[in-house]
Amino acid sequence: MKKELTAEEANEKKKYRLAELGTALLVDPESNIKSLREMLQIAKDGDHSIVILGLKSLLAVFKDILPG
């Protein structure tokens, strides 16, 4: 039987996933460009702290991969 995640566990999972996606994008932006969509979906979460973290993660990726 599969146990359901608590809200705190779900948030931790989302934070970890954001870190994975951001790192993959920074390492190889061309191959992992589809990860932006998943990051944006996570950033649309109902939890304010996840939204802020998601937007900051997206900002960090954009600042790094965009020229100049």
PDB file of N, CA and C in Angstrom:
ATOM      1  N   MET A   1       0.843  -1.170   0.000  1.00  0.00           N
ATOM      2  CA  MET A   1       0.000   0.000   0.000  1.00  0.00           C
ATOM      3  C   MET A   1       0.895   1.242   0.000  1.00  0.00           C
ATOM      4  N   LYS A   2       0.545   2.185  -0.835  1.00  0.00           N
ATOM      5  CA  LYS A   2       1.327   3.408  -0.966  1.00  0.00           C
ATOM      6  C   LYS A   2       0.814   4.452   0.016  1.00  0.00           C
ATOM      7  N   LYS A   3       1.717   5.003   0.813  1.00  0.00           N
ATOM      8  CA  LYS A   3       1.271   6.034   1.750  1.00  0.00           C
ATOM      9  C   LYS A   3       1.303   7.389   1.061  1.00  0.00           C
ATOM     10  N   GLU A   4       0.381   8.228   1.427  1.00  0.00           N
ATOM     11  CA  GLU A   4       0.314   9.556   0.842  1.00  0.00           C
ATOM     12  C   GLU A   4       1.343  10.462   1.490  1.00  0.00           C
ATOM     13  N   LEU A   5       1.880  11.378   0.685  1.00  0.00           N
ATOM     14  CA  LEU A   5       2.858  12.327   1.197  1.00  0.00           C
ATOM     15  C   LEU A   5       2.157  13.409   2.005  1.00  0.00           C
ATOM     16  N   THR A   6       2.782  13.808   3.074  1.00  0.00           N
ATOM     17  CA  THR A   6       2.256  14.948   3.819  1.00  0.00           C
ATOM     18  C   THR A   6       2.592  16.203   3.016  1.00  0.00           C
ATOM     19  N   ALA A   7       2.008  17.305   3.375  1.00  0.00           N
ATOM     20  CA  ALA A   7       2.258  18.562   2.675  1.00  0.00           C
ATOM     21  C   ALA A   7       3.732  18.940   2.763  1.00  0.00           C
ATOM     22  N   GLU A   8       4.327  18.711   3.923  1.00  0.00           N
ATOM     23  CA  GLU A   8       5.742  19.036   4.104  1.00  0.00           C
ATOM     24  C   GLU A   8       6.629  18.155   3.225  1.00  0.00           C
ATOM     25  N   GLU A   9       6.314  16.872   3.140  1.00  0.00           N
ATOM     26  CA  GLU A   9       7.083  15.966   2.289  1.00  0.00           C
ATOM     27  C   GLU A   9       6.925  16.329   0.810  1.00  0.00           C
ATOM     28  N   ALA A  10       5.723  16.701   0.418  1.00  0.00           N
ATOM     29  CA  ALA A  10       5.483  17.104  -0.971  1.00  0.00           C
ATOM     30  C   ALA A  10       6.274  18.363  -1.306  1.00  0.00           C
ATOM     31  N   ASN A  11       6.327  19.320  -0.382  1.00  0.00           N
ATOM     32  CA  ASN A  11       7.098  20.542  -0.614  1.00  0.00           C
ATOM     33  C   ASN A  11       8.586  20.244  -0.720  1.00  0.00           C
ATOM     34  N   GLU A  12       9.088  19.354   0.123  1.00  0.00           N
ATOM     35  CA  GLU A  12      10.498  18.972   0.052  1.00  0.00           C
ATOM     36  C   GLU A  12      10.809  18.311  -1.288  1.00  0.00           C
ATOM     37  N   LYS A  13       9.897  17.487  -1.753  1.00  0.00           N
ATOM     38  CA  LYS A  13      10.076  16.821  -3.043  1.00  0.00           C
ATOM     39  C   LYS A  13      10.121  17.851  -4.175  1.00  0.00           C
ATOM     40  N   LYS A  14       9.259  18.860  -4.114  1.00  0.00           N
ATOM     41  CA  LYS A  14       9.244  19.914  -5.132  1.00  0.00           C
ATOM     42  C   LYS A  14      10.526  20.736  -5.095  1.00  0.00           C
ATOM     43  N   LYS A  15      11.003  21.032  -3.907  1.00  0.00           N
ATOM     44  CA  LYS A  15      12.258  21.787  -3.773  1.00  0.00           C
ATOM     45  C   LYS A  15      13.423  21.006  -4.373  1.00  0.00           C
ATOM     46  N   TYR A  16      13.471  19.725  -4.089  1.00  0.00           N
ATOM     47  CA  TYR A  16      14.532  18.877  -4.614  1.00  0.00           C
ATOM     48  C   TYR A  16      14.445  18.806  -6.133  1.00  0.00           C
ATOM     49  N   ARG A  17      13.236  18.694  -6.661  1.00  0.00           N
ATOM     50  CA  ARG A  17      13.044  18.621  -8.113  1.00  0.00           C
ATOM     51  C   ARG A  17      13.467  19.926  -8.783  1.00  0.00           C
ATOM     52  N   LEU A  18      13.142  21.054  -8.171  1.00  0.00           N
ATOM     53  CA  LEU A  18      13.584  22.348  -8.711  1.00  0.00           C
ATOM     54  C   LEU A  18      15.107  22.418  -8.788  1.00  0.00           C
ATOM     55  N   ALA A  19      15.766  21.930  -7.759  1.00  0.00           N
ATOM     56  CA  ALA A  19      17.231  21.930  -7.749  1.00  0.00           C
ATOM     57  C   ALA A  19      17.786  21.038  -8.857  1.00  0.00           C
ATOM     58  N   GLU A  20      17.182  19.867  -9.040  1.00  0.00           N
ATOM     59  CA  GLU A  20      17.629  18.963 -10.099  1.00  0.00           C
ATOM     60  C   GLU A  20      17.461  19.599 -11.472  1.00  0.00           C
ATOM     61  N   LEU A  21      16.300  20.174 -11.716  1.00  0.00           N
ATOM     62  CA  LEU A  21      16.011  20.777 -13.012  1.00  0.00           C
ATOM     63  C   LEU A  21      16.925  21.970 -13.287  1.00  0.00           C
ATOM     64  N   GLY A  22      17.105  22.806 -12.291  1.00  0.00           N
ATOM     65  CA  GLY A  22      17.966  23.974 -12.453  1.00  0.00           C
ATOM     66  C   GLY A  22      19.399  23.588 -12.748  1.00  0.00           C
ATOM     67  N   THR A  23      19.901  22.600 -12.046  1.00  0.00           N
ATOM     68  CA  THR A  23      21.266  22.137 -12.275  1.00  0.00           C
ATOM     69  C   THR A  23      21.414  21.562 -13.677  1.00  0.00           C
ATOM     70  N   ALA A  24      20.450  20.755 -14.102  1.00  0.00           N
ATOM     71  CA  ALA A  24      20.505  20.170 -15.443  1.00  0.00           C
ATOM     72  C   ALA A  24      20.488  21.255 -16.510  1.00  0.00           C
ATOM     73  N   LEU A  25      19.678  22.275 -16.306  1.00  0.00           N
ATOM     74  CA  LEU A  25      19.612  23.375 -17.272  1.00  0.00           C
ATOM     75  C   LEU A  25      20.918  24.154 -17.334  1.00  0.00           C
ATOM     76  N   LEU A  26      21.543  24.368 -16.203  1.00  0.00           N
ATOM     77  CA  LEU A  26      22.798  25.111 -16.189  1.00  0.00           C
ATOM     78  C   LEU A  26      23.934  24.322 -16.821  1.00  0.00           C
ATOM     79  N   VAL A  27      23.903  23.006 -16.688  1.00  0.00           N
ATOM     80  CA  VAL A  27      24.951  22.165 -17.250  1.00  0.00           C
ATOM     81  C   VAL A  27      24.827  22.101 -18.775  1.00  0.00           C
ATOM     82  N   ASP A  28      23.612  21.875 -19.276  1.00  0.00           N
ATOM     83  CA  ASP A  28      23.409  21.744 -20.722  1.00  0.00           C
ATOM     84  C   ASP A  28      22.053  22.341 -21.101  1.00  0.00           C
ATOM     85  N   PRO A  29      22.005  23.661 -21.324  1.00  0.00           N
ATOM     86  CA  PRO A  29      20.723  24.325 -21.596  1.00  0.00           C
ATOM     87  C   PRO A  29      20.003  23.814 -22.844  1.00  0.00           C
ATOM     88  N   GLU A  30      20.738  23.526 -23.917  1.00  0.00           N
ATOM     89  CA  GLU A  30      20.081  23.093 -25.152  1.00  0.00           C
ATOM     90  C   GLU A  30      19.359  21.759 -25.001  1.00  0.00           C
ATOM     91  N   SER A  31      19.991  20.824 -24.331  1.00  0.00           N
ATOM     92  CA  SER A  31      19.401  19.489 -24.172  1.00  0.00           C
ATOM     93  C   SER A  31      18.276  19.459 -23.147  1.00  0.00           C
ATOM     94  N   ASN A  32      18.291  20.371 -22.203  1.00  0.00           N
ATOM     95  CA  ASN A  32      17.331  20.331 -21.100  1.00  0.00           C
ATOM     96  C   ASN A  32      16.337  21.489 -21.132  1.00  0.00           C
ATOM     97  N   ILE A  33      16.159  22.104 -22.282  1.00  0.00           N
ATOM     98  CA  ILE A  33      15.289  23.271 -22.373  1.00  0.00           C
ATOM     99  C   ILE A  33      13.843  22.949 -21.979  1.00  0.00           C
ATOM    100  N   LYS A  34      13.428  21.710 -22.163  1.00  0.00           N
ATOM    101  CA  LYS A  34      12.053  21.319 -21.797  1.00  0.00           C
ATOM    102  C   LYS A  34      11.837  21.333 -20.286  1.00  0.00           C
ATOM    103  N   SER A  35      12.923  21.354 -19.542  1.00  0.00           N
ATOM    104  CA  SER A  35      12.816  21.407 -18.080  1.00  0.00           C
ATOM    105  C   SER A  35      12.231  22.734 -17.606  1.00  0.00           C
ATOM    106  N   LEU A  36      12.341  23.766 -18.428  1.00  0.00           N
ATOM    107  CA  LEU A  36      11.762  25.069 -18.060  1.00  0.00           C
ATOM    108  C   LEU A  36      10.260  24.953 -17.826  1.00  0.00           C
ATOM    109  N   ARG A  37       9.608  24.168 -18.652  1.00  0.00           N
ATOM    110  CA  ARG A  37       8.157  23.998 -18.508  1.00  0.00           C
ATOM    111  C   ARG A  37       7.808  23.353 -17.174  1.00  0.00           C
ATOM    112  N   GLU A  38       8.569  22.331 -16.791  1.00  0.00           N
ATOM    113  CA  GLU A  38       8.315  21.672 -15.502  1.00  0.00           C
ATOM    114  C   GLU A  38       8.600  22.616 -14.339  1.00  0.00           C
ATOM    115  N   MET A  39       9.666  23.408 -14.467  1.00  0.00           N
ATOM    116  CA  MET A  39       9.975  24.381 -13.412  1.00  0.00           C
ATOM    117  C   MET A  39       8.844  25.397 -13.277  1.00  0.00           C
ATOM    118  N   LEU A  40       8.299  25.836 -14.399  1.00  0.00           N
ATOM    119  CA  LEU A  40       7.197  26.791 -14.370  1.00  0.00           C
ATOM    120  C   LEU A  40       5.950  26.182 -13.739  1.00  0.00           C
ATOM    121  N   GLN A  41       5.687  24.916 -14.018  1.00  0.00           N
ATOM    122  CA  GLN A  41       4.538  24.237 -13.405  1.00  0.00           C
ATOM    123  C   GLN A  41       4.701  24.155 -11.892  1.00  0.00           C
ATOM    124  N   ILE A  42       5.903  23.859 -11.429  1.00  0.00           N
ATOM    125  CA  ILE A  42       6.154  23.800  -9.987  1.00  0.00           C
ATOM    126  C   ILE A  42       5.985  25.183  -9.378  1.00  0.00           C
ATOM    127  N   ALA A  43       6.406  26.223 -10.124  1.00  0.00           N
ATOM    128  CA  ALA A  43       6.299  27.598  -9.622  1.00  0.00           C
ATOM    129  C   ALA A  43       4.847  28.067  -9.523  1.00  0.00           C
ATOM    130  N   LYS A  44       3.927  27.360 -10.131  1.00  0.00           N
ATOM    131  CA  LYS A  44       2.503  27.720 -10.056  1.00  0.00           C
ATOM    132  C   LYS A  44       1.803  27.028  -8.891  1.00  0.00           C
ATOM    133  N   ASP A  45       2.567  26.494  -7.972  1.00  0.00           N
ATOM    134  CA  ASP A  45       2.043  25.774  -6.810  1.00  0.00           C
ATOM    135  C   ASP A  45       1.236  26.704  -5.914  1.00  0.00           C
ATOM    136  N   GLY A  46       0.405  26.136  -5.076  1.00  0.00           N
ATOM    137  CA  GLY A  46      -0.398  26.928  -4.163  1.00  0.00           C
ATOM    138  C   GLY A  46       0.358  27.423  -2.941  1.00  0.00           C
ATOM    139  N   ASP A  47       1.473  26.790  -2.624  1.00  0.00           N
ATOM    140  CA  ASP A  47       2.273  27.162  -1.459  1.00  0.00           C
ATOM    141  C   ASP A  47       3.179  28.340  -1.814  1.00  0.00           C
ATOM    142  N   HIS A  48       3.060  29.406  -1.053  1.00  0.00           N
ATOM    143  CA  HIS A  48       3.801  30.641  -1.332  1.00  0.00           C
ATOM    144  C   HIS A  48       5.311  30.413  -1.351  1.00  0.00           C
ATOM    145  N   SER A  49       5.831  29.616  -0.433  1.00  0.00           N
ATOM    146  CA  SER A  49       7.280  29.399  -0.381  1.00  0.00           C
ATOM    147  C   SER A  49       7.774  28.648  -1.615  1.00  0.00           C
ATOM    148  N   ILE A  50       6.981  27.723  -2.137  1.00  0.00           N
ATOM    149  CA  ILE A  50       7.358  26.987  -3.347  1.00  0.00           C
ATOM    150  C   ILE A  50       7.306  27.917  -4.556  1.00  0.00           C
ATOM    151  N   VAL A  51       6.316  28.789  -4.609  1.00  0.00           N
ATOM    152  CA  VAL A  51       6.208  29.751  -5.710  1.00  0.00           C
ATOM    153  C   VAL A  51       7.434  30.650  -5.745  1.00  0.00           C
ATOM    154  N   ILE A  52       7.809  31.198  -4.606  1.00  0.00           N
ATOM    155  CA  ILE A  52       8.980  32.082  -4.522  1.00  0.00           C
ATOM    156  C   ILE A  52      10.242  31.329  -4.932  1.00  0.00           C
ATOM    157  N   LEU A  53      10.419  30.127  -4.416  1.00  0.00           N
ATOM    158  CA  LEU A  53      11.602  29.331  -4.749  1.00  0.00           C
ATOM    159  C   LEU A  53      11.622  28.999  -6.240  1.00  0.00           C
ATOM    160  N   GLY A  54      10.477  28.658  -6.796  1.00  0.00           N
ATOM    161  CA  GLY A  54      10.398  28.344  -8.222  1.00  0.00           C
ATOM    162  C   GLY A  54      10.757  29.535  -9.090  1.00  0.00           C
ATOM    163  N   LEU A  55      10.243  30.699  -8.740  1.00  0.00           N
ATOM    164  CA  LEU A  55      10.544  31.900  -9.517  1.00  0.00           C
ATOM    165  C   LEU A  55      12.006  32.304  -9.387  1.00  0.00           C
ATOM    166  N   LYS A  56      12.557  32.169  -8.197  1.00  0.00           N
ATOM    167  CA  LYS A  56      13.976  32.477  -8.016  1.00  0.00           C
ATOM    168  C   LYS A  56      14.851  31.488  -8.795  1.00  0.00           C
ATOM    169  N   SER A  57      14.446  30.243  -8.838  1.00  0.00           N
ATOM    170  CA  SER A  57      15.191  29.239  -9.596  1.00  0.00           C
ATOM    171  C   SER A  57      15.161  29.560 -11.085  1.00  0.00           C
ATOM    172  N   LEU A  58      13.982  29.925 -11.582  1.00  0.00           N
ATOM    173  CA  LEU A  58      13.867  30.308 -12.990  1.00  0.00           C
ATOM    174  C   LEU A  58      14.712  31.539 -13.297  1.00  0.00           C
ATOM    175  N   LEU A  59      14.706  32.507 -12.401  1.00  0.00           N
ATOM    176  CA  LEU A  59      15.509  33.716 -12.592  1.00  0.00           C
ATOM    177  C   LEU A  59      16.993  33.372 -12.668  1.00  0.00           C
ATOM    178  N   ALA A  60      17.453  32.510 -11.787  1.00  0.00           N
ATOM    179  CA  ALA A  60      18.860  32.119 -11.784  1.00  0.00           C
ATOM    180  C   ALA A  60      19.240  31.431 -13.090  1.00  0.00           C
ATOM    181  N   VAL A  61      18.362  30.584 -13.594  1.00  0.00           N
ATOM    182  CA  VAL A  61      18.633  29.897 -14.858  1.00  0.00           C
ATOM    183  C   VAL A  61      18.672  30.897 -16.005  1.00  0.00           C
ATOM    184  N   PHE A  62      17.687  31.786 -16.072  1.00  0.00           N
ATOM    185  CA  PHE A  62      17.644  32.769 -17.157  1.00  0.00           C
ATOM    186  C   PHE A  62      18.857  33.687 -17.117  1.00  0.00           C
ATOM    187  N   LYS A  63      19.249  34.115 -15.936  1.00  0.00           N
ATOM    188  CA  LYS A  63      20.414  35.004 -15.828  1.00  0.00           C
ATOM    189  C   LYS A  63      21.681  34.309 -16.315  1.00  0.00           C
ATOM    190  N   ASP A  64      21.761  33.009 -16.104  1.00  0.00           N
ATOM    191  CA  ASP A  64      22.966  32.287 -16.484  1.00  0.00           C
ATOM    192  C   ASP A  64      22.995  31.926 -17.967  1.00  0.00           C
ATOM    193  N   ILE A  65      21.864  31.544 -18.538  1.00  0.00           N
ATOM    194  CA  ILE A  65      21.894  31.033 -19.918  1.00  0.00           C
ATOM    195  C   ILE A  65      21.677  32.114 -20.971  1.00  0.00           C
ATOM    196  N   LEU A  66      21.104  33.255 -20.599  1.00  0.00           N
ATOM    197  CA  LEU A  66      20.906  34.305 -21.596  1.00  0.00           C
ATOM    198  C   LEU A  66      22.203  35.075 -21.803  1.00  0.00           C
ATOM    199  N   PRO A  67      22.525  35.383 -23.057  1.00  0.00           N
ATOM    200  CA  PRO A  67      23.761  36.113 -23.309  1.00  0.00           C
ATOM    201  C   PRO A  67      23.673  37.555 -22.816  1.00  0.00           C
ATOM    202  N   GLY A  68      24.815  38.056 -22.367  1.00  0.00           N
ATOM    203  CA  GLY A  68      24.944  39.448 -21.953  1.00  0.00           C
ATOM    204  C   GLY A  68      24.014  39.817 -20.876  1.00  0.00           C
TER     205      GLY A  68
END
